[in-house]
Amino acid sequence: MNAQELKKLLKKSGCTFENHRGGSGHLTVRRGSRKSQLPMHGNRKELGKGLVNKILKDLGLKG
């Protein structure tokens, strides 16, 4: 799964996104009081399974 695919999935789950000033290449993802960081490094680069699971867990979307 790449960053764009994960972003679409998170958006469907009701998450909001904030850009960082200075172009850090990351987005802050918020869902209620929970938040996580989503790296946006290139369109074709796959995110590791561990990172995807951590982001989902941080946002309360995975047990």
PDB file of N, CA and C in Angstrom:
ATOM      1  N   MET A   1       0.850  -1.172   0.000  1.00  0.00           N
ATOM      2  CA  MET A   1       0.000   0.000   0.000  1.00  0.00           C
ATOM      3  C   MET A   1       0.897   1.236   0.000  1.00  0.00           C
ATOM      4  N   ASN A   2       0.606   2.172  -0.894  1.00  0.00           N
ATOM      5  CA  ASN A   2       1.387   3.410  -0.888  1.00  0.00           C
ATOM      6  C   ASN A   2       0.654   4.485  -0.084  1.00  0.00           C
ATOM      7  N   ALA A   3       1.296   5.642   0.079  1.00  0.00           N
ATOM      8  CA  ALA A   3       0.757   6.691   0.943  1.00  0.00           C
ATOM      9  C   ALA A   3      -0.591   7.216   0.440  1.00  0.00           C
ATOM     10  N   GLN A   4      -0.758   7.342  -0.887  1.00  0.00           N
ATOM     11  CA  GLN A   4      -2.019   7.848  -1.422  1.00  0.00           C
ATOM     12  C   GLN A   4      -3.178   6.888  -1.136  1.00  0.00           C
ATOM     13  N   GLU A   5      -2.918   5.590  -1.273  1.00  0.00           N
ATOM     14  CA  GLU A   5      -3.958   4.595  -0.991  1.00  0.00           C
ATOM     15  C   GLU A   5      -4.357   4.631   0.482  1.00  0.00           C
ATOM     16  N   LEU A   6      -3.365   4.745   1.362  1.00  0.00           N
ATOM     17  CA  LEU A   6      -3.655   4.809   2.793  1.00  0.00           C
ATOM     18  C   LEU A   6      -4.422   6.087   3.122  1.00  0.00           C
ATOM     19  N   LYS A   7      -4.061   7.192   2.488  1.00  0.00           N
ATOM     20  CA  LYS A   7      -4.757   8.459   2.726  1.00  0.00           C
ATOM     21  C   LYS A   7      -6.233   8.341   2.348  1.00  0.00           C
ATOM     22  N   LYS A   8      -6.530   7.703   1.207  1.00  0.00           N
ATOM     23  CA  LYS A   8      -7.925   7.501   0.793  1.00  0.00           C
ATOM     24  C   LYS A   8      -8.683   6.659   1.810  1.00  0.00           C
ATOM     25  N   LEU A   9      -8.042   5.589   2.297  1.00  0.00           N
ATOM     26  CA  LEU A   9      -8.661   4.719   3.291  1.00  0.00           C
ATOM     27  C   LEU A   9      -8.951   5.485   4.580  1.00  0.00           C
ATOM     28  N   LEU A  10      -7.994   6.296   5.013  1.00  0.00           N
ATOM     29  CA  LEU A  10      -8.169   7.069   6.242  1.00  0.00           C
ATOM     30  C   LEU A  10      -9.253   8.128   6.085  1.00  0.00           C
ATOM     31  N   LYS A  11      -9.328   8.730   4.903  1.00  0.00           N
ATOM     32  CA  LYS A  11     -10.357   9.743   4.653  1.00  0.00           C
ATOM     33  C   LYS A  11     -11.751   9.133   4.747  1.00  0.00           C
ATOM     34  N   LYS A  12     -11.914   7.918   4.211  1.00  0.00           N
ATOM     35  CA  LYS A  12     -13.200   7.226   4.299  1.00  0.00           C
ATOM     36  C   LYS A  12     -13.562   6.902   5.746  1.00  0.00           C
ATOM     37  N   SER A  13     -12.557   6.775   6.601  1.00  0.00           N
ATOM     38  CA  SER A  13     -12.768   6.455   8.014  1.00  0.00           C
ATOM     39  C   SER A  13     -13.006   7.700   8.858  1.00  0.00           C
ATOM     40  N   GLY A  14     -13.068   8.867   8.221  1.00  0.00           N
ATOM     41  CA  GLY A  14     -13.387  10.101   8.934  1.00  0.00           C
ATOM     42  C   GLY A  14     -12.185  10.868   9.447  1.00  0.00           C
ATOM     43  N   CYS A  15     -11.006  10.593   8.936  1.00  0.00           N
ATOM     44  CA  CYS A  15      -9.801  11.291   9.369  1.00  0.00           C
ATOM     45  C   CYS A  15      -9.657  12.626   8.636  1.00  0.00           C
ATOM     46  N   THR A  16      -8.991  13.575   9.296  1.00  0.00           N
ATOM     47  CA  THR A  16      -8.658  14.848   8.677  1.00  0.00           C
ATOM     48  C   THR A  16      -7.135  14.941   8.571  1.00  0.00           C
ATOM     49  N   PHE A  17      -6.659  15.816   7.684  1.00  0.00           N
ATOM     50  CA  PHE A  17      -5.237  15.905   7.393  1.00  0.00           C
ATOM     51  C   PHE A  17      -4.763  17.344   7.513  1.00  0.00           C
ATOM     52  N   GLU A  18      -3.542  17.511   8.031  1.00  0.00           N
ATOM     53  CA  GLU A  18      -2.931  18.835   8.153  1.00  0.00           C
ATOM     54  C   GLU A  18      -1.555  18.800   7.509  1.00  0.00           C
ATOM     55  N   ASN A  19      -1.295  19.789   6.631  1.00  0.00           N
ATOM     56  CA  ASN A  19       0.037  19.924   6.052  1.00  0.00           C
ATOM     57  C   ASN A  19       0.944  20.611   7.053  1.00  0.00           C
ATOM     58  N   HIS A  20       2.233  20.335   6.951  1.00  0.00           N
ATOM     59  CA  HIS A  20       3.218  20.991   7.802  1.00  0.00           C
ATOM     60  C   HIS A  20       3.851  22.133   7.031  1.00  0.00           C
ATOM     61  N   ARG A  21       4.148  23.197   7.734  1.00  0.00           N
ATOM     62  CA  ARG A  21       4.850  24.311   7.103  1.00  0.00           C
ATOM     63  C   ARG A  21       6.282  23.889   6.809  1.00  0.00           C
ATOM     64  N   GLY A  22       6.807  24.346   5.716  1.00  0.00           N
ATOM     65  CA  GLY A  22       8.184  24.047   5.367  1.00  0.00           C
ATOM     66  C   GLY A  22       8.345  22.806   4.516  1.00  0.00           C
ATOM     67  N   GLY A  23       7.259  22.159   4.157  1.00  0.00           N
ATOM     68  CA  GLY A  23       7.328  21.016   3.250  1.00  0.00           C
ATOM     69  C   GLY A  23       8.113  19.838   3.784  1.00  0.00           C
ATOM     70  N   SER A  24       7.755  19.347   4.954  1.00  0.00           N
ATOM     71  CA  SER A  24       8.491  18.248   5.583  1.00  0.00           C
ATOM     72  C   SER A  24       8.236  16.902   4.908  1.00  0.00           C
ATOM     73  N   GLY A  25       7.218  16.820   4.054  1.00  0.00           N
ATOM     74  CA  GLY A  25       6.914  15.556   3.396  1.00  0.00           C
ATOM     75  C   GLY A  25       6.041  14.642   4.235  1.00  0.00           C
ATOM     76  N   HIS A  26       5.472  15.160   5.312  1.00  0.00           N
ATOM     77  CA  HIS A  26       4.598  14.374   6.182  1.00  0.00           C
ATOM     78  C   HIS A  26       3.273  15.109   6.360  1.00  0.00           C
ATOM     79  N   LEU A  27       2.231  14.344   6.637  1.00  0.00           N
ATOM     80  CA  LEU A  27       0.933  14.905   7.000  1.00  0.00           C
ATOM     81  C   LEU A  27       0.609  14.469   8.418  1.00  0.00           C
ATOM     82  N   THR A  28      -0.009  15.356   9.185  1.00  0.00           N
ATOM     83  CA  THR A  28      -0.568  14.956  10.465  1.00  0.00           C
ATOM     84  C   THR A  28      -1.985  14.488  10.196  1.00  0.00           C
ATOM     85  N   VAL A  29      -2.298  13.281  10.653  1.00  0.00           N
ATOM     86  CA  VAL A  29      -3.621  12.696  10.457  1.00  0.00           C
ATOM     87  C   VAL A  29      -4.321  12.716  11.805  1.00  0.00           C
ATOM     88  N   ARG A  30      -5.545  13.235  11.834  1.00  0.00           N
ATOM     89  CA  ARG A  30      -6.310  13.301  13.088  1.00  0.00           C
ATOM     90  C   ARG A  30      -7.624  12.547  12.936  1.00  0.00           C
ATOM     91  N   ARG A  31      -7.979  11.853  14.008  1.00  0.00           N
ATOM     92  CA  ARG A  31      -9.283  11.186  14.091  1.00  0.00           C
ATOM     93  C   ARG A  31      -9.737  11.332  15.529  1.00  0.00           C
ATOM     94  N   GLY A  32     -10.649  12.279  15.762  1.00  0.00           N
ATOM     95  CA  GLY A  32     -11.054  12.593  17.133  1.00  0.00           C
ATOM     96  C   GLY A  32      -9.876  13.193  17.877  1.00  0.00           C
ATOM     97  N   SER A  33      -9.570  12.639  19.045  1.00  0.00           N
ATOM     98  CA  SER A  33      -8.443  13.143  19.838  1.00  0.00           C
ATOM     99  C   SER A  33      -7.135  12.438  19.497  1.00  0.00           C
ATOM    100  N   ARG A  34      -7.187  11.482  18.591  1.00  0.00           N
ATOM    101  CA  ARG A  34      -5.992  10.710  18.226  1.00  0.00           C
ATOM    102  C   ARG A  34      -5.316  11.333  17.011  1.00  0.00           C
ATOM    103  N   LYS A  35      -3.983  11.147  16.938  1.00  0.00           N
ATOM    104  CA  LYS A  35      -3.264  11.651  15.772  1.00  0.00           C
ATOM    105  C   LYS A  35      -2.069  10.765  15.472  1.00  0.00           C
ATOM    106  N   SER A  36      -1.596  10.860  14.229  1.00  0.00           N
ATOM    107  CA  SER A  36      -0.441  10.106  13.769  1.00  0.00           C
ATOM    108  C   SER A  36       0.196  10.878  12.621  1.00  0.00           C
ATOM    109  N   GLN A  37       1.365  10.427  12.188  1.00  0.00           N
ATOM    110  CA  GLN A  37       2.082  11.053  11.072  1.00  0.00           C
ATOM    111  C   GLN A  37       2.057  10.118   9.872  1.00  0.00           C
ATOM    112  N   LEU A  38       1.771  10.674   8.705  1.00  0.00           N
ATOM    113  CA  LEU A  38       1.758   9.900   7.468  1.00  0.00           C
ATOM    114  C   LEU A  38       2.833  10.454   6.539  1.00  0.00           C
ATOM    115  N   PRO A  39       3.894   9.686   6.255  1.00  0.00           N
ATOM    116  CA  PRO A  39       4.922  10.166   5.331  1.00  0.00           C
ATOM    117  C   PRO A  39       4.409  10.141   3.894  1.00  0.00           C
ATOM    118  N   MET A  40       4.654  11.196   3.156  1.00  0.00           N
ATOM    119  CA  MET A  40       4.203  11.314   1.760  1.00  0.00           C
ATOM    120  C   MET A  40       5.432  11.423   0.862  1.00  0.00           C
ATOM    121  N   HIS A  41       6.194  10.334   0.756  1.00  0.00           N
ATOM    122  CA  HIS A  41       7.444  10.333   0.006  1.00  0.00           C
ATOM    123  C   HIS A  41       7.258   9.586  -1.311  1.00  0.00           C
ATOM    124  N   GLY A  42       6.814  10.271  -2.332  1.00  0.00           N
ATOM    125  CA  GLY A  42       6.701   9.673  -3.657  1.00  0.00           C
ATOM    126  C   GLY A  42       5.441   8.847  -3.845  1.00  0.00           C
ATOM    127  N   ASN A  43       4.979   8.786  -5.084  1.00  0.00           N
ATOM    128  CA  ASN A  43       3.731   8.092  -5.414  1.00  0.00           C
ATOM    129  C   ASN A  43       3.880   6.580  -5.438  1.00  0.00           C
ATOM    130  N   ARG A  44       5.015   6.089  -5.880  1.00  0.00           N
ATOM    131  CA  ARG A  44       5.161   4.653  -6.102  1.00  0.00           C
ATOM    132  C   ARG A  44       5.781   3.917  -4.931  1.00  0.00           C
ATOM    133  N   LYS A  45       6.281   4.647  -3.950  1.00  0.00           N
ATOM    134  CA  LYS A  45       6.963   3.992  -2.838  1.00  0.00           C
ATOM    135  C   LYS A  45       5.953   3.344  -1.892  1.00  0.00           C
ATOM    136  N   GLU A  46       6.158   2.071  -1.652  1.00  0.00           N
ATOM    137  CA  GLU A  46       5.264   1.318  -0.770  1.00  0.00           C
ATOM    138  C   GLU A  46       5.618   1.585   0.693  1.00  0.00           C
ATOM    139  N   LEU A  47       4.603   1.708   1.518  1.00  0.00           N
ATOM    140  CA  LEU A  47       4.808   1.836   2.961  1.00  0.00           C
ATOM    141  C   LEU A  47       4.917   0.436   3.556  1.00  0.00           C
ATOM    142  N   GLY A  48       5.763   0.270   4.538  1.00  0.00           N
ATOM    143  CA  GLY A  48       5.918  -1.026   5.184  1.00  0.00           C
ATOM    144  C   GLY A  48       4.669  -1.420   5.958  1.00  0.00           C
ATOM    145  N   LYS A  49       4.454  -2.725   6.099  1.00  0.00           N
ATOM    146  CA  LYS A  49       3.270  -3.215   6.830  1.00  0.00           C
ATOM    147  C   LYS A  49       3.267  -2.726   8.266  1.00  0.00           C
ATOM    148  N   GLY A  50       4.440  -2.706   8.886  1.00  0.00           N
ATOM    149  CA  GLY A  50       4.541  -2.260  10.271  1.00  0.00           C
ATOM    150  C   GLY A  50       4.127  -0.810  10.435  1.00  0.00           C
ATOM    151  N   LEU A  51       4.545   0.044   9.500  1.00  0.00           N
ATOM    152  CA  LEU A  51       4.188   1.461   9.555  1.00  0.00           C
ATOM    153  C   LEU A  51       2.689   1.655   9.358  1.00  0.00           C
ATOM    154  N   VAL A  52       2.123   0.958   8.384  1.00  0.00           N
ATOM    155  CA  VAL A  52       0.676   1.060   8.129  1.00  0.00           C
ATOM    156  C   VAL A  52      -0.096   0.622   9.380  1.00  0.00           C
ATOM    157  N   ASN A  53       0.308  -0.502   9.978  1.00  0.00           N
ATOM    158  CA  ASN A  53      -0.370  -0.995  11.177  1.00  0.00           C
ATOM    159  C   ASN A  53      -0.236  -0.018  12.338  1.00  0.00           C
ATOM    160  N   LYS A  54       0.933   0.616  12.487  1.00  0.00           N
ATOM    161  CA  LYS A  54       1.138   1.577  13.567  1.00  0.00           C
ATOM    162  C   LYS A  54       0.227   2.786  13.391  1.00  0.00           C
ATOM    163  N   ILE A  55       0.123   3.301  12.164  1.00  0.00           N
ATOM    164  CA  ILE A  55      -0.737   4.455  11.903  1.00  0.00           C
ATOM    165  C   ILE A  55      -2.188   4.091  12.211  1.00  0.00           C
ATOM    166  N   LEU A  56      -2.646   2.924  11.744  1.00  0.00           N
ATOM    167  CA  LEU A  56      -4.023   2.494  12.011  1.00  0.00           C
ATOM    168  C   LEU A  56      -4.268   2.319  13.509  1.00  0.00           C
ATOM    169  N   LYS A  57      -3.300   1.776  14.223  1.00  0.00           N
ATOM    170  CA  LYS A  57      -3.434   1.566  15.668  1.00  0.00           C
ATOM    171  C   LYS A  57      -3.457   2.903  16.406  1.00  0.00           C
ATOM    172  N   ASP A  58      -2.570   3.836  16.001  1.00  0.00           N
ATOM    173  CA  ASP A  58      -2.539   5.172  16.620  1.00  0.00           C
ATOM    174  C   ASP A  58      -3.883   5.875  16.502  1.00  0.00           C
ATOM    175  N   LEU A  59      -4.574   5.634  15.383  1.00  0.00           N
ATOM    176  CA  LEU A  59      -5.848   6.313  15.123  1.00  0.00           C
ATOM    177  C   LEU A  59      -7.058   5.519  15.620  1.00  0.00           C
ATOM    178  N   GLY A  60      -6.806   4.380  16.244  1.00  0.00           N
ATOM    179  CA  GLY A  60      -7.902   3.574  16.783  1.00  0.00           C
ATOM    180  C   GLY A  60      -8.684   2.808  15.746  1.00  0.00           C
ATOM    181  N   LEU A  61      -8.075   2.545  14.604  1.00  0.00           N
ATOM    182  CA  LEU A  61      -8.762   1.815  13.535  1.00  0.00           C
ATOM    183  C   LEU A  61      -8.378   0.347  13.500  1.00  0.00           C
ATOM    184  N   LYS A  62      -7.484  -0.058  14.364  1.00  0.00           N
ATOM    185  CA  LYS A  62      -7.061  -1.444  14.419  1.00  0.00           C
ATOM    186  C   LYS A  62      -6.845  -1.827  15.876  1.00  0.00           C
ATOM    187  N   GLY A  63      -7.372  -2.987  16.258  1.00  0.00           N
ATOM    188  CA  GLY A  63      -7.299  -3.444  17.645  1.00  0.00           C
ATOM    189  C   GLY A  63      -5.939  -3.775  18.036  1.00  0.00           C
TER     190      GLY A  63
END
